[in-house]
Amino acid sequence: IETDEVKAGEGQKPLLPLDAFLSAVAETNEVGLGVLIKPADDV
């Protein structure tokens, strides 16, 4: 789970907050992504 303090390192995959995930998918065609949904998010 990525935060301002914690980032995925080599061999790790990030779980991005919804807004960061939506920004990432707009910029890349990558698959196999992870997303973190918080209680107030719109899934």
All heavy atoms as atom14 arrays in JSON, in Angstrom:
{
  "sequence": "IETDEVKAGEGQKPLLPLDAFLSAVAETNEVGLGVLIKPADDV",
  "atom14_mask": [
    [1, 1, 1, 1, 1, 1, 1, 1, 0, 0, 0, 0, 0, 0],
    [1, 1, 1, 1, 1, 1, 1, 1, 1, 0, 0, 0, 0, 0],
    [1, 1, 1, 1, 1, 1, 1, 0, 0, 0, 0, 0, 0, 0],
    [1, 1, 1, 1, 1, 1, 1, 1, 0, 0, 0, 0, 0, 0],
    [1, 1, 1, 1, 1, 1, 1, 1, 1, 0, 0, 0, 0, 0],
    [1, 1, 1, 1, 1, 1, 1, 0, 0, 0, 0, 0, 0, 0],
    [1, 1, 1, 1, 1, 1, 1, 1, 1, 0, 0, 0, 0, 0],
    [1, 1, 1, 1, 1, 0, 0, 0, 0, 0, 0, 0, 0, 0],
    [1, 1, 1, 1, 0, 0, 0, 0, 0, 0, 0, 0, 0, 0],
    [1, 1, 1, 1, 1, 1, 1, 1, 1, 0, 0, 0, 0, 0],
    [1, 1, 1, 1, 0, 0, 0, 0, 0, 0, 0, 0, 0, 0],
    [1, 1, 1, 1, 1, 1, 1, 1, 1, 0, 0, 0, 0, 0],
    [1, 1, 1, 1, 1, 1, 1, 1, 1, 0, 0, 0, 0, 0],
    [1, 1, 1, 1, 1, 1, 1, 0, 0, 0, 0, 0, 0, 0],
    [1, 1, 1, 1, 1, 1, 1, 1, 0, 0, 0, 0, 0, 0],
    [1, 1, 1, 1, 1, 1, 1, 1, 0, 0, 0, 0, 0, 0],
    [1, 1, 1, 1, 1, 1, 1, 0, 0, 0, 0, 0, 0, 0],
    [1, 1, 1, 1, 1, 1, 1, 1, 0, 0, 0, 0, 0, 0],
    [1, 1, 1, 1, 1, 1, 1, 1, 0, 0, 0, 0, 0, 0],
    [1, 1, 1, 1, 1, 0, 0, 0, 0, 0, 0, 0, 0, 0],
    [1, 1, 1, 1, 1, 1, 1, 1, 1, 1, 1, 0, 0, 0],
    [1, 1, 1, 1, 1, 1, 1, 1, 0, 0, 0, 0, 0, 0],
    [1, 1, 1, 1, 1, 1, 0, 0, 0, 0, 0, 0, 0, 0],
    [1, 1, 1, 1, 1, 0, 0, 0, 0, 0, 0, 0, 0, 0],
    [1, 1, 1, 1, 1, 1, 1, 0, 0, 0, 0, 0, 0, 0],
    [1, 1, 1, 1, 1, 0, 0, 0, 0, 0, 0, 0, 0, 0],
    [1, 1, 1, 1, 1, 1, 1, 1, 1, 0, 0, 0, 0, 0],
    [1, 1, 1, 1, 1, 1, 1, 0, 0, 0, 0, 0, 0, 0],
    [1, 1, 1, 1, 1, 1, 1, 1, 0, 0, 0, 0, 0, 0],
    [1, 1, 1, 1, 1, 1, 1, 1, 1, 0, 0, 0, 0, 0],
    [1, 1, 1, 1, 1, 1, 1, 0, 0, 0, 0, 0, 0, 0],
    [1, 1, 1, 1, 0, 0, 0, 0, 0, 0, 0, 0, 0, 0],
    [1, 1, 1, 1, 1, 1, 1, 1, 0, 0, 0, 0, 0, 0],
    [1, 1, 1, 1, 0, 0, 0, 0, 0, 0, 0, 0, 0, 0],
    [1, 1, 1, 1, 1, 1, 1, 0, 0, 0, 0, 0, 0, 0],
    [1, 1, 1, 1, 1, 1, 1, 1, 0, 0, 0, 0, 0, 0],
    [1, 1, 1, 1, 1, 1, 1, 1, 0, 0, 0, 0, 0, 0],
    [1, 1, 1, 1, 1, 1, 1, 1, 1, 0, 0, 0, 0, 0],
    [1, 1, 1, 1, 1, 1, 1, 0, 0, 0, 0, 0, 0, 0],
    [1, 1, 1, 1, 1, 0, 0, 0, 0, 0, 0, 0, 0, 0],
    [1, 1, 1, 1, 1, 1, 1, 1, 0, 0, 0, 0, 0, 0],
    [1, 1, 1, 1, 1, 1, 1, 1, 0, 0, 0, 0, 0, 0],
    [1, 1, 1, 1, 1, 1, 1, 0, 0, 0, 0, 0, 0, 0]
  ],
  "atom14_positions": [
    [[0.87, -1.17, 0.0], [0.0, 0.0, 0.0], [0.91, 1.22, 0.0], [1.64, 1.46, 0.96], [-0.95, 0.01, 1.21], [-1.91, -1.18, 1.13], [-1.73, 1.32, 1.28], [-2.81, -1.35, 2.33], [0.0, 0.0, 0.0], [0.0, 0.0, 0.0], [0.0, 0.0, 0.0], [0.0, 0.0, 0.0], [0.0, 0.0, 0.0], [0.0, 0.0, 0.0]],
    [[0.87, 1.96, -1.1], [1.74, 3.13, -1.22], [1.16, 4.32, -0.47], [-0.04, 4.57, -0.49], [1.98, 3.49, -2.68], [2.91, 2.52, -3.37], [3.61, 3.12, -4.58], [3.05, 4.04, -5.21], [4.71, 2.65, -4.87], [0.0, 0.0, 0.0], [0.0, 0.0, 0.0], [0.0, 0.0, 0.0], [0.0, 0.0, 0.0], [0.0, 0.0, 0.0]],
    [[2.05, 5.02, 0.19], [1.73, 6.27, 0.88], [2.83, 7.26, 0.51], [3.74, 6.94, -0.24], [1.69, 6.09, 2.41], [3.0, 5.73, 2.86], [0.69, 5.02, 2.83], [0.0, 0.0, 0.0], [0.0, 0.0, 0.0], [0.0, 0.0, 0.0], [0.0, 0.0, 0.0], [0.0, 0.0, 0.0], [0.0, 0.0, 0.0], [0.0, 0.0, 0.0]],
    [[2.78, 8.46, 1.08], [3.85, 9.44, 0.85], [5.18, 8.92, 1.38], [6.23, 9.2, 0.84], [3.52, 10.78, 1.51], [2.37, 11.49, 0.8], [2.13, 11.2, -0.39], [1.72, 12.33, 1.44], [0.0, 0.0, 0.0], [0.0, 0.0, 0.0], [0.0, 0.0, 0.0], [0.0, 0.0, 0.0], [0.0, 0.0, 0.0], [0.0, 0.0, 0.0]],
    [[5.12, 8.12, 2.46], [6.33, 7.61, 3.1], [6.78, 6.25, 2.56], [7.95, 5.91, 2.62], [6.13, 7.48, 4.62], [5.83, 8.77, 5.34], [4.35, 9.17, 5.25], [3.48, 8.28, 5.16], [4.08, 10.37, 5.24], [0.0, 0.0, 0.0], [0.0, 0.0, 0.0], [0.0, 0.0, 0.0], [0.0, 0.0, 0.0], [0.0, 0.0, 0.0]],
    [[5.83, 5.44, 2.08], [6.14, 4.07, 1.65], [5.9, 3.94, 0.15], [4.8, 4.26, -0.33], [5.26, 3.06, 2.41], [5.51, 1.64, 1.92], [5.47, 3.16, 3.91], [0.0, 0.0, 0.0], [0.0, 0.0, 0.0], [0.0, 0.0, 0.0], [0.0, 0.0, 0.0], [0.0, 0.0, 0.0], [0.0, 0.0, 0.0], [0.0, 0.0, 0.0]],
    [[6.91, 3.48, -0.56], [6.8, 3.25, -2.0], [7.21, 1.81, -2.29], [8.06, 1.24, -1.6], [7.69, 4.2, -2.8], [7.37, 5.68, -2.59], [6.01, 6.02, -3.14], [5.69, 7.49, -2.89], [4.3, 7.8, -3.1], [0.0, 0.0, 0.0], [0.0, 0.0, 0.0], [0.0, 0.0, 0.0], [0.0, 0.0, 0.0], [0.0, 0.0, 0.0]],
    [[6.62, 1.23, -3.31], [6.98, -0.14, -3.71], [8.4, -0.15, -4.23], [8.8, 0.71, -5.0], [6.01, -0.64, -4.77], [0.0, 0.0, 0.0], [0.0, 0.0, 0.0], [0.0, 0.0, 0.0], [0.0, 0.0, 0.0], [0.0, 0.0, 0.0], [0.0, 0.0, 0.0], [0.0, 0.0, 0.0], [0.0, 0.0, 0.0], [0.0, 0.0, 0.0]],
    [[9.15, -1.14, -3.78], [10.53, -1.3, -4.23], [10.62, -2.34, -5.32], [9.61, -2.81, -5.86], [0.0, 0.0, 0.0], [0.0, 0.0, 0.0], [0.0, 0.0, 0.0], [0.0, 0.0, 0.0], [0.0, 0.0, 0.0], [0.0, 0.0, 0.0], [0.0, 0.0, 0.0], [0.0, 0.0, 0.0], [0.0, 0.0, 0.0], [0.0, 0.0, 0.0]],
    [[11.83, -2.77, -5.61], [12.05, -3.78, -6.64], [11.39, -5.09, -6.24], [11.51, -5.55, -5.1], [13.56, -3.99, -6.83], [13.87, -4.84, -8.04], [15.35, -4.89, -8.33], [16.05, -3.88, -8.09], [15.79, -5.94, -8.79], [0.0, 0.0, 0.0], [0.0, 0.0, 0.0], [0.0, 0.0, 0.0], [0.0, 0.0, 0.0], [0.0, 0.0, 0.0]],
    [[10.65, -5.67, -7.16], [9.95, -6.92, -6.89], [8.63, -6.75, -6.17], [7.98, -7.72, -5.84], [0.0, 0.0, 0.0], [0.0, 0.0, 0.0], [0.0, 0.0, 0.0], [0.0, 0.0, 0.0], [0.0, 0.0, 0.0], [0.0, 0.0, 0.0], [0.0, 0.0, 0.0], [0.0, 0.0, 0.0], [0.0, 0.0, 0.0], [0.0, 0.0, 0.0]],
    [[8.24, -5.5, -5.91], [6.98, -5.23, -5.23], [6.03, -4.51, -6.18], [6.45, -3.85, -7.13], [7.21, -4.36, -3.99], [8.06, -5.05, -2.94], [8.32, -4.15, -1.75], [8.57, -2.95, -1.9], [8.27, -4.73, -0.56], [0.0, 0.0, 0.0], [0.0, 0.0, 0.0], [0.0, 0.0, 0.0], [0.0, 0.0, 0.0], [0.0, 0.0, 0.0]],
    [[4.73, -4.66, -5.91], [3.71, -4.02, -6.73], [2.94, -3.02, -5.87], [2.54, -3.36, -4.75], [2.74, -5.06, -7.28], [3.35, -6.05, -8.24], [2.28, -7.03, -8.68], [2.77, -7.99, -9.71], [1.69, -8.83, -10.21], [0.0, 0.0, 0.0], [0.0, 0.0, 0.0], [0.0, 0.0, 0.0], [0.0, 0.0, 0.0], [0.0, 0.0, 0.0]],
    [[2.69, -1.82, -6.4], [1.97, -0.82, -5.59], [0.46, -0.99, -5.62], [-0.12, -1.33, -6.65], [2.36, 0.49, -6.27], [2.58, 0.12, -7.7], [3.16, -1.28, -7.67], [0.0, 0.0, 0.0], [0.0, 0.0, 0.0], [0.0, 0.0, 0.0], [0.0, 0.0, 0.0], [0.0, 0.0, 0.0], [0.0, 0.0, 0.0], [0.0, 0.0, 0.0]],
    [[-0.16, -0.76, -4.48], [-1.61, -0.62, -4.38], [-1.85, 0.88, -4.29], [-1.59, 1.5, -3.25], [-2.15, -1.33, -3.14], [-2.27, -2.84, -3.24], [-2.49, -3.46, -1.88], [-3.4, -3.2, -4.19], [0.0, 0.0, 0.0], [0.0, 0.0, 0.0], [0.0, 0.0, 0.0], [0.0, 0.0, 0.0], [0.0, 0.0, 0.0], [0.0, 0.0, 0.0]],
    [[-2.32, 1.46, -5.38], [-2.48, 2.91, -5.45], [-3.86, 3.34, -4.97], [-4.86, 2.67, -5.27], [-2.31, 3.37, -6.9], [-0.98, 3.06, -7.57], [-1.05, 3.39, -9.05], [0.13, 3.82, -6.89], [0.0, 0.0, 0.0], [0.0, 0.0, 0.0], [0.0, 0.0, 0.0], [0.0, 0.0, 0.0], [0.0, 0.0, 0.0], [0.0, 0.0, 0.0]],
    [[-3.94, 4.47, -4.25], [-5.25, 5.02, -3.92], [-6.03, 5.29, -5.21], [-5.43, 5.47, -6.29], [-4.93, 6.33, -3.2], [-3.52, 6.15, -2.71], [-2.85, 5.27, -3.71], [0.0, 0.0, 0.0], [0.0, 0.0, 0.0], [0.0, 0.0, 0.0], [0.0, 0.0, 0.0], [0.0, 0.0, 0.0], [0.0, 0.0, 0.0], [0.0, 0.0, 0.0]],
    [[-7.35, 5.31, -5.14], [-8.2, 5.4, -6.33], [-7.81, 6.54, -7.26], [-7.65, 6.33, -8.47], [-9.67, 5.52, -5.93], [-10.67, 5.59, -7.09], [-10.59, 4.35, -7.97], [-12.08, 5.78, -6.56], [0.0, 0.0, 0.0], [0.0, 0.0, 0.0], [0.0, 0.0, 0.0], [0.0, 0.0, 0.0], [0.0, 0.0, 0.0], [0.0, 0.0, 0.0]],
    [[-7.64, 7.76, -6.75], [-7.31, 8.89, -7.61], [-5.97, 8.71, -8.31], [-5.83, 9.0, -9.49], [-7.33, 10.21, -6.83], [-8.74, 10.62, -6.43], [-9.71, 10.15, -7.07], [-8.87, 11.4, -5.46], [0.0, 0.0, 0.0], [0.0, 0.0, 0.0], [0.0, 0.0, 0.0], [0.0, 0.0, 0.0], [0.0, 0.0, 0.0], [0.0, 0.0, 0.0]],
    [[-4.97, 8.2, -7.57], [-3.66, 7.94, -8.17], [-3.76, 6.83, -9.22], [-3.12, 6.89, -10.27], [-2.65, 7.57, -7.09], [0.0, 0.0, 0.0], [0.0, 0.0, 0.0], [0.0, 0.0, 0.0], [0.0, 0.0, 0.0], [0.0, 0.0, 0.0], [0.0, 0.0, 0.0], [0.0, 0.0, 0.0], [0.0, 0.0, 0.0], [0.0, 0.0, 0.0]],
    [[-4.58, 5.82, -8.95], [-4.79, 4.74, -9.91], [-5.42, 5.28, -11.19], [-4.98, 4.96, -12.3], [-5.69, 3.66, -9.3], [-6.15, 2.63, -10.28], [-5.33, 1.56, -10.6], [-7.39, 2.74, -10.89], [-5.75, 0.6, -11.52], [-7.81, 1.8, -11.81], [-6.99, 0.73, -12.13], [0.0, 0.0, 0.0], [0.0, 0.0, 0.0], [0.0, 0.0, 0.0]],
    [[-6.45, 6.11, -11.06], [-7.13, 6.66, -12.24], [-6.17, 7.53, -13.05], [-6.22, 7.51, -14.29], [-8.37, 7.44, -11.83], [-9.5, 6.58, -11.23], [-10.61, 7.46, -10.68], [-10.03, 5.58, -12.25], [0.0, 0.0, 0.0], [0.0, 0.0, 0.0], [0.0, 0.0, 0.0], [0.0, 0.0, 0.0], [0.0, 0.0, 0.0], [0.0, 0.0, 0.0]],
    [[-5.3, 8.28, -12.39], [-4.28, 9.06, -13.1], [-3.31, 8.14, -13.83], [-2.94, 8.4, -14.98], [-3.51, 9.96, -12.13], [-4.36, 10.91, -11.56], [0.0, 0.0, 0.0], [0.0, 0.0, 0.0], [0.0, 0.0, 0.0], [0.0, 0.0, 0.0], [0.0, 0.0, 0.0], [0.0, 0.0, 0.0], [0.0, 0.0, 0.0], [0.0, 0.0, 0.0]],
    [[-2.9, 7.07, -13.17], [-1.94, 6.13, -13.77], [-2.52, 5.44, -15.0], [-1.82, 5.31, -16.01], [-1.5, 5.09, -12.73], [0.0, 0.0, 0.0], [0.0, 0.0, 0.0], [0.0, 0.0, 0.0], [0.0, 0.0, 0.0], [0.0, 0.0, 0.0], [0.0, 0.0, 0.0], [0.0, 0.0, 0.0], [0.0, 0.0, 0.0], [0.0, 0.0, 0.0]],
    [[-3.77, 4.99, -14.94], [-4.35, 4.3, -16.1], [-4.58, 5.24, -17.27], [-4.64, 4.8, -18.41], [-5.64, 3.52, -15.76], [-5.35, 2.39, -14.79], [-6.72, 4.41, -15.26], [0.0, 0.0, 0.0], [0.0, 0.0, 0.0], [0.0, 0.0, 0.0], [0.0, 0.0, 0.0], [0.0, 0.0, 0.0], [0.0, 0.0, 0.0], [0.0, 0.0, 0.0]],
    [[-4.7, 6.53, -16.99], [-4.85, 7.52, -18.07], [-3.54, 7.74, -18.82], [-3.53, 8.17, -19.97], [-5.36, 8.84, -17.51], [0.0, 0.0, 0.0], [0.0, 0.0, 0.0], [0.0, 0.0, 0.0], [0.0, 0.0, 0.0], [0.0, 0.0, 0.0], [0.0, 0.0, 0.0], [0.0, 0.0, 0.0], [0.0, 0.0, 0.0], [0.0, 0.0, 0.0]],
    [[-2.42, 7.4, -18.18], [-1.1, 7.65, -18.75], [-0.41, 6.41, -19.3], [0.64, 6.52, -19.93], [-0.2, 8.29, -17.69], [-0.7, 9.63, -17.21], [0.09, 10.15, -16.03], [1.12, 9.54, -15.66], [-0.33, 11.18, -15.47], [0.0, 0.0, 0.0], [0.0, 0.0, 0.0], [0.0, 0.0, 0.0], [0.0, 0.0, 0.0], [0.0, 0.0, 0.0]],
    [[-0.95, 5.21, -19.05], [-0.27, 3.99, -19.46], [-1.28, 2.93, -19.88], [-2.46, 3.02, -19.55], [0.59, 3.43, -18.31], [1.26, 2.25, -18.75], [-0.24, 3.12, -17.09], [0.0, 0.0, 0.0], [0.0, 0.0, 0.0], [0.0, 0.0, 0.0], [0.0, 0.0, 0.0], [0.0, 0.0, 0.0], [0.0, 0.0, 0.0], [0.0, 0.0, 0.0]],
    [[-0.81, 1.93, -20.6], [-1.64, 0.79, -20.98], [-1.31, -0.44, -20.15], [-1.68, -1.55, -20.49], [-1.46, 0.47, -22.47], [-2.07, 1.54, -23.33], [-3.08, 2.14, -22.97], [-1.46, 1.8, -24.47], [0.0, 0.0, 0.0], [0.0, 0.0, 0.0], [0.0, 0.0, 0.0], [0.0, 0.0, 0.0], [0.0, 0.0, 0.0], [0.0, 0.0, 0.0]],
    [[-0.61, -0.24, -19.06], [-0.16, -1.33, -18.2], [-1.34, -2.12, -17.65], [-2.42, -1.59, -17.4], [0.65, -0.73, -17.04], [1.41, -1.75, -16.24], [2.27, -1.1, -15.16], [2.51, 0.12, -15.21], [2.67, -1.84, -14.25], [0.0, 0.0, 0.0], [0.0, 0.0, 0.0], [0.0, 0.0, 0.0], [0.0, 0.0, 0.0], [0.0, 0.0, 0.0]],
    [[-1.12, -3.43, -17.47], [-2.12, -4.31, -16.86], [-1.52, -4.91, -15.59], [-0.34, -4.74, -15.32], [-2.58, -5.42, -17.83], [-3.27, -4.84, -19.04], [-1.41, -6.29, -18.24], [0.0, 0.0, 0.0], [0.0, 0.0, 0.0], [0.0, 0.0, 0.0], [0.0, 0.0, 0.0], [0.0, 0.0, 0.0], [0.0, 0.0, 0.0], [0.0, 0.0, 0.0]],
    [[-2.34, -5.63, -14.83], [-1.85, -6.25, -13.6], [-1.68, -5.24, -12.48], [-0.83, -5.4, -11.61], [0.0, 0.0, 0.0], [0.0, 0.0, 0.0], [0.0, 0.0, 0.0], [0.0, 0.0, 0.0], [0.0, 0.0, 0.0], [0.0, 0.0, 0.0], [0.0, 0.0, 0.0], [0.0, 0.0, 0.0], [0.0, 0.0, 0.0], [0.0, 0.0, 0.0]],
    [[-2.52, -4.22, -12.48], [-2.41, -3.12, -11.5], [-3.16, -3.43, -10.22], [-4.03, -4.3, -10.19], [-2.95, -1.83, -12.12], [-2.27, -1.38, -13.41], [-3.04, -0.24, -14.04], [-0.84, -0.97, -13.14], [0.0, 0.0, 0.0], [0.0, 0.0, 0.0], [0.0, 0.0, 0.0], [0.0, 0.0, 0.0], [0.0, 0.0, 0.0], [0.0, 0.0, 0.0]],
    [[-2.83, -2.68, -9.18], [-3.51, -2.79, -7.89], [-4.04, -1.46, -7.45], [-3.41, -0.42, -7.68], [0.0, 0.0, 0.0], [0.0, 0.0, 0.0], [0.0, 0.0, 0.0], [0.0, 0.0, 0.0], [0.0, 0.0, 0.0], [0.0, 0.0, 0.0], [0.0, 0.0, 0.0], [0.0, 0.0, 0.0], [0.0, 0.0, 0.0], [0.0, 0.0, 0.0]],
    [[-5.2, -1.49, -6.82], [-5.83, -0.24, -6.36], [-6.35, -0.45, -4.93], [-6.81, -1.52, -4.57], [-6.97, 0.2, -7.32], [-8.06, -0.83, -7.4], [-7.54, 1.55, -6.93], [0.0, 0.0, 0.0], [0.0, 0.0, 0.0], [0.0, 0.0, 0.0], [0.0, 0.0, 0.0], [0.0, 0.0, 0.0], [0.0, 0.0, 0.0], [0.0, 0.0, 0.0]],
    [[-6.23, 0.62, -4.14], [-6.74, 0.64, -2.77], [-8.01, 1.47, -2.73], [-7.99, 2.64, -3.11], [-5.7, 1.24, -1.82], [-6.15, 1.45, -0.38], [-6.39, 0.12, 0.31], [-5.12, 2.27, 0.39], [0.0, 0.0, 0.0], [0.0, 0.0, 0.0], [0.0, 0.0, 0.0], [0.0, 0.0, 0.0], [0.0, 0.0, 0.0], [0.0, 0.0, 0.0]],
    [[-9.08, 0.87, -2.28], [-10.37, 1.55, -2.17], [-10.61, 1.91, -0.71], [-10.59, 1.04, 0.16], [-11.51, 0.66, -2.7], [-11.3, 0.32, -4.17], [-12.87, 1.31, -2.47], [-11.31, 1.52, -5.1], [0.0, 0.0, 0.0], [0.0, 0.0, 0.0], [0.0, 0.0, 0.0], [0.0, 0.0, 0.0], [0.0, 0.0, 0.0], [0.0, 0.0, 0.0]],
    [[-10.86, 3.18, -0.47], [-11.18, 3.65, 0.88], [-12.7, 3.72, 1.03], [-13.43, 3.71, 0.04], [-10.54, 5.01, 1.12], [-9.02, 4.91, 1.09], [-8.37, 6.23, 1.34], [-6.85, 6.03, 1.29], [-6.14, 7.3, 1.35], [0.0, 0.0, 0.0], [0.0, 0.0, 0.0], [0.0, 0.0, 0.0], [0.0, 0.0, 0.0], [0.0, 0.0, 0.0]],
    [[-13.21, 3.78, 2.26], [-14.66, 3.73, 2.48], [-15.47, 4.74, 1.68], [-16.55, 4.41, 1.19], [-14.8, 3.97, 3.98], [-13.54, 3.45, 4.56], [-12.48, 3.79, 3.54], [0.0, 0.0, 0.0], [0.0, 0.0, 0.0], [0.0, 0.0, 0.0], [0.0, 0.0, 0.0], [0.0, 0.0, 0.0], [0.0, 0.0, 0.0], [0.0, 0.0, 0.0]],
    [[-14.99, 5.96, 1.52], [-15.77, 6.99, 0.83], [-15.58, 7.0, -0.68], [-16.2, 7.79, -1.39], [-15.43, 8.37, 1.4], [0.0, 0.0, 0.0], [0.0, 0.0, 0.0], [0.0, 0.0, 0.0], [0.0, 0.0, 0.0], [0.0, 0.0, 0.0], [0.0, 0.0, 0.0], [0.0, 0.0, 0.0], [0.0, 0.0, 0.0], [0.0, 0.0, 0.0]],
    [[-14.73, 6.11, -1.22], [-14.48, 6.07, -2.66], [-15.69, 5.54, -3.43], [-16.48, 4.76, -2.92], [-13.28, 5.18, -2.98], [-11.95, 5.82, -2.61], [-11.91, 7.05, -2.4], [-10.95, 5.09, -2.52], [0.0, 0.0, 0.0], [0.0, 0.0, 0.0], [0.0, 0.0, 0.0], [0.0, 0.0, 0.0], [0.0, 0.0, 0.0], [0.0, 0.0, 0.0]],
    [[-15.78, 5.96, -4.69], [-16.83, 5.51, -5.59], [-16.24, 4.4, -6.48], [-15.53, 4.68, -7.44], [-17.32, 6.68, -6.45], [-18.38, 6.29, -7.45], [-18.8, 5.11, -7.48], [-18.8, 7.17, -8.23], [0.0, 0.0, 0.0], [0.0, 0.0, 0.0], [0.0, 0.0, 0.0], [0.0, 0.0, 0.0], [0.0, 0.0, 0.0], [0.0, 0.0, 0.0]],
    [[-16.53, 3.14, -6.15], [-15.93, 2.03, -6.89], [-16.41, 1.94, -8.33], [-15.74, 1.31, -9.16], [-16.15, 0.67, -6.18], [-15.47, 0.63, -4.84], [-17.61, 0.33, -6.06], [0.0, 0.0, 0.0], [0.0, 0.0, 0.0], [0.0, 0.0, 0.0], [0.0, 0.0, 0.0], [0.0, 0.0, 0.0], [0.0, 0.0, 0.0], [0.0, 0.0, 0.0]]
  ]
}
